[in-house]
C-alpha cells in the first residue's frame, strides 16, 4: 500500500510532537511552520527523525533531502518522503 502525503504528515507530526515535547494545544505548531526557525527541530532531532522515517516508513532520507527547502516543514517532509516512496 502506498504511503499518502496525509498519512506521512500525521506520522511525522506525531513523532516530532513526542521528540520535541510539543503540546497538543501549541497554536504555533502546524504542518507548514518552519521547524528549524521556530526551534521545534534541532540537529539531534533531525537525526532521530531520519532514523524514524527509515525504520517506520521504510524511506531513506538523503543528504540532498536534508538541504531541500521542503525539509523545513512537516508538509514538505511528507512530500519528500512520499515522492521517494514512489521512486523507490
Protein backbone atom coordinates (compact mmCIF):
# COMPACT_ATOMS: atom_id res chain seq x y z
CA UNK A 1 0.00 0.00 0.00
CA UNK A 2 1.34 3.41 -0.99
CA UNK A 3 2.01 5.98 1.67
CA UNK A 4 -0.17 9.06 1.24
CA UNK A 5 1.17 12.55 2.00
CA UNK A 6 -1.51 12.95 4.69
CA UNK A 7 -0.53 9.68 6.40
CA UNK A 8 3.16 10.55 6.20
CA UNK A 9 2.47 14.03 7.65
CA UNK A 10 0.46 12.55 10.52
CA UNK A 11 3.22 10.12 11.39
CA UNK A 12 5.92 12.79 11.16
CA UNK A 13 3.88 15.23 13.23
CA UNK A 14 3.28 12.62 15.92
CA UNK A 15 6.98 11.81 16.07
CA UNK A 16 8.09 15.46 16.25
CA UNK A 17 5.47 16.30 18.88
CA UNK A 18 6.78 13.45 21.02
CA UNK A 19 10.50 14.07 20.47
CA UNK A 20 10.31 17.86 20.84
CA UNK A 21 7.72 17.76 23.65
CA UNK A 22 5.27 19.91 21.67
CA UNK A 23 2.00 20.47 23.50
CA UNK A 24 -1.17 19.37 21.73
CA UNK A 25 -2.58 22.88 22.10
CA UNK A 26 0.51 24.74 20.79
CA UNK A 27 -1.03 27.15 18.24
CA UNK A 28 2.33 27.80 16.54
CA UNK A 29 2.93 24.17 15.66
CA UNK A 30 1.42 23.48 12.25
CA UNK A 31 2.33 21.35 9.28
CA UNK A 32 3.55 24.46 7.46
CA UNK A 33 5.65 26.17 10.14
CA UNK A 34 9.42 26.20 9.64
CA UNK A 35 10.51 23.62 12.19
CA UNK A 36 14.08 24.95 12.38
CA UNK A 37 13.31 28.67 12.62
CA UNK A 38 10.83 28.02 15.42
CA UNK A 39 13.12 25.63 17.30
CA UNK A 40 10.94 22.54 17.03
CA UNK A 41 13.78 20.69 15.28
CA UNK A 42 17.47 20.79 16.06
CA UNK A 43 20.34 18.68 14.78
CA UNK A 44 19.73 15.83 17.24
CA UNK A 45 16.02 15.70 16.48
CA UNK A 46 16.77 15.64 12.74
CA UNK A 47 18.96 12.58 13.22
CA UNK A 48 16.21 10.89 15.24
CA UNK A 49 13.65 11.88 12.59
CA UNK A 50 15.70 10.42 9.74
CA UNK A 51 16.09 7.14 11.64
CA UNK A 52 12.37 7.13 12.40
CA UNK A 53 11.44 7.73 8.75
CA UNK A 54 13.73 4.96 7.61
CA UNK A 55 12.56 2.45 10.22
CA UNK A 56 8.86 3.35 10.47
CA UNK A 57 8.11 4.43 6.91
CA UNK A 58 10.78 2.47 5.05
CA UNK A 59 12.09 5.51 3.19
CA UNK A 60 15.72 6.65 3.21
CA UNK A 61 16.48 10.32 3.71
CA UNK A 62 19.45 11.50 1.66
CA UNK A 63 21.82 14.37 2.33
CA UNK A 64 20.16 16.21 -0.57
CA UNK A 65 16.79 15.84 1.20
CA UNK A 66 18.18 17.48 4.32
CA UNK A 67 19.12 20.56 2.29
CA UNK A 68 15.88 20.64 0.29
CA UNK A 69 13.81 23.67 1.34
CA UNK A 70 10.79 21.39 1.77
CA UNK A 71 12.55 19.61 4.64
CA UNK A 72 11.80 22.61 6.89
CA UNK A 73 8.10 21.79 7.34
CA UNK A 74 6.06 18.70 8.16
CA UNK A 75 4.12 19.05 4.91
CA UNK A 76 7.35 19.37 2.95
CA UNK A 77 8.97 16.38 4.63
CA UNK A 78 5.84 14.33 3.92
CA UNK A 79 6.04 15.40 0.28
CA UNK A 80 9.69 14.36 0.03
CA UNK A 81 9.00 11.03 1.69
CA UNK A 82 6.03 10.13 -0.46
CA UNK A 83 7.95 11.08 -3.63
CA UNK A 84 10.85 8.89 -2.50
CA UNK A 85 8.49 6.02 -1.67
CA UNK A 86 7.07 6.16 -5.20
CA UNK A 87 10.50 6.29 -6.84
CA UNK A 88 11.88 3.58 -4.58
